[in-house]
């Protein structure tokens, strides 16, 4: 899902024409379209990670309730630790997503600011 972010420099190079090709394409429309693609991708990834994180939190809560009700089986404790680790990884992934989002937005702004200025860039 991060393919656009990983290839942002390439996308910008193909989106923004050189001086000799400016008359043949509309860089404003290209930059606007690219911006919308970037924002849609960021939203979808963040929603997906948040859904997984919510599901993981709910599972941890259920497992803790089972443990608190006296079930101290090794299998339950192992599953609880595994799910807690998954939850931590997903929380970490949200932080990584913020870094990726900021980098992509910065690169986009540097290259497209003279062609298209979005009213709001999601932080």
Protein backbone atom coordinates (compact mmCIF):
# COMPACT_ATOMS: atom_id res chain seq x y z
CA UNK A 1 0.00 0.00 0.00
CA UNK A 2 3.02 2.30 0.26
CA UNK A 3 4.03 1.93 -3.35
CA UNK A 4 3.18 5.54 -4.24
CA UNK A 5 5.11 6.85 -1.22
CA UNK A 6 8.10 4.68 -2.09
CA UNK A 7 8.13 5.97 -5.66
CA UNK A 8 7.17 9.60 -4.98
CA UNK A 9 10.33 11.02 -6.56
CA UNK A 10 9.78 8.98 -9.72
CA UNK A 11 6.10 9.99 -9.82
CA UNK A 12 7.00 13.65 -9.46
CA UNK A 13 9.63 13.36 -12.18
CA UNK A 14 7.05 11.90 -14.57
CA UNK A 15 4.32 14.32 -13.46
CA UNK A 16 6.16 17.63 -13.70
CA UNK A 17 7.26 18.40 -17.23
CA UNK A 18 10.56 19.96 -18.13
CA UNK A 19 10.63 23.47 -19.55
CA UNK A 20 10.48 22.18 -23.13
CA UNK A 21 7.32 20.11 -22.48
CA UNK A 22 5.38 22.57 -20.32
CA UNK A 23 3.24 23.70 -23.24
CA UNK A 24 2.17 20.13 -24.03
CA UNK A 25 0.77 19.19 -20.60
CA UNK A 26 -0.98 20.78 -17.67
CA UNK A 27 1.29 20.40 -14.62
CA UNK A 28 -1.38 21.88 -12.32
CA UNK A 29 -3.85 19.12 -13.16
CA UNK A 30 -1.14 16.47 -12.90
CA UNK A 31 -0.03 17.74 -9.48
CA UNK A 32 -3.62 17.94 -8.27
CA UNK A 33 -4.29 14.36 -9.38
CA UNK A 34 -1.11 13.13 -7.73
CA UNK A 35 -2.00 14.96 -4.52
CA UNK A 36 -5.41 13.28 -4.43
CA UNK A 37 -3.81 9.88 -4.99
CA UNK A 38 -1.35 10.51 -2.15
CA UNK A 39 -4.04 11.64 0.28
CA UNK A 40 -6.33 8.71 -0.61
CA UNK A 41 -3.49 6.25 -0.07
CA UNK A 42 -2.59 7.77 3.29
CA UNK A 43 -6.20 7.68 4.45
CA UNK A 44 -6.72 4.06 3.38
CA UNK A 45 -3.52 2.86 5.07
CA UNK A 46 -4.25 4.72 8.28
CA UNK A 47 -7.79 3.34 8.39
CA UNK A 48 -6.56 -0.21 7.76
CA UNK A 49 -3.93 0.02 10.50
CA UNK A 50 -6.45 1.57 12.90
CA UNK A 51 -8.98 -1.21 12.23
CA UNK A 52 -6.34 -3.86 12.89
CA UNK A 53 -5.23 -2.04 16.04
CA UNK A 54 -8.81 -1.86 17.33
CA UNK A 55 -9.33 -5.55 16.69
CA UNK A 56 -6.07 -6.37 18.44
CA UNK A 57 -6.96 -4.20 21.46
CA UNK A 58 -10.33 -5.92 21.73
CA UNK A 59 -8.70 -9.36 21.61
CA UNK A 60 -6.17 -8.35 24.30
CA UNK A 61 -9.04 -7.09 26.45
CA UNK A 62 -10.89 -10.40 26.09
CA UNK A 63 -7.78 -12.43 26.86
CA UNK A 64 -7.04 -10.31 29.94
CA UNK A 65 -10.61 -10.84 31.15
CA UNK A 66 -10.15 -14.59 30.77
CA UNK A 67 -6.87 -14.41 32.67
CA UNK A 68 -8.41 -12.26 35.41
CA UNK A 69 -11.25 -14.76 35.78
CA UNK A 70 -8.78 -17.43 36.87
CA UNK A 71 -7.72 -19.03 33.60
CA UNK A 72 -3.92 -19.10 33.89
CA UNK A 73 -3.30 -21.79 31.30
CA UNK A 74 0.04 -21.54 29.50
CA UNK A 75 -1.73 -21.45 26.13
CA UNK A 76 -3.82 -18.42 27.19
CA UNK A 77 -0.78 -16.57 28.52
CA UNK A 78 1.16 -17.32 25.34
CA UNK A 79 -1.73 -16.08 23.19
CA UNK A 80 -2.05 -12.94 25.34
CA UNK A 81 1.66 -12.12 24.98
CA UNK A 82 1.51 -12.73 21.24
CA UNK A 83 -1.51 -10.44 20.85
CA UNK A 84 0.09 -7.75 23.01
CA UNK A 85 3.15 -7.88 20.77
CA UNK A 86 0.93 -7.55 17.69
CA UNK A 87 -0.76 -4.55 19.26
CA UNK A 88 2.60 -2.88 19.95
CA UNK A 89 3.73 -3.52 16.37
CA UNK A 90 0.56 -1.95 15.01
CA UNK A 91 1.01 1.10 17.24
CA UNK A 92 4.58 1.35 15.98
CA UNK A 93 3.31 1.07 12.42
CA UNK A 94 1.10 4.13 12.99
CA UNK A 95 4.23 6.07 13.96
CA UNK A 96 6.03 4.84 10.86
CA UNK A 97 3.02 5.88 8.81
CA UNK A 98 3.31 9.43 10.16
CA UNK A 99 6.98 9.59 9.15
CA UNK A 100 6.22 8.27 5.65
CA UNK A 101 3.30 10.66 5.28
CA UNK A 102 5.36 13.67 6.34
CA UNK A 103 8.22 12.77 4.01
CA UNK A 104 5.91 12.28 1.04
CA UNK A 105 4.05 15.53 1.71
CA UNK A 106 7.34 17.42 2.04
CA UNK A 107 8.72 16.07 -1.23
CA UNK A 108 5.40 16.73 -2.96
CA UNK A 109 5.28 20.30 -1.71
CA UNK A 110 8.85 21.01 -2.77
CA UNK A 111 8.23 19.85 -6.33
CA UNK A 112 4.58 20.84 -6.95
CA UNK A 113 4.20 24.05 -4.95
CA UNK A 114 4.52 26.26 -8.00
CA UNK A 115 1.86 24.30 -9.94
CA UNK A 116 -0.75 23.32 -7.34
CA UNK A 117 -1.24 24.44 -3.77
CA UNK A 118 -3.73 22.27 -1.89
CA UNK A 119 -5.82 24.12 0.64
CA UNK A 120 -4.95 21.64 3.38
CA UNK A 121 -2.29 18.97 3.54
CA UNK A 122 -3.29 16.36 6.09
CA UNK A 123 -0.66 16.22 8.84
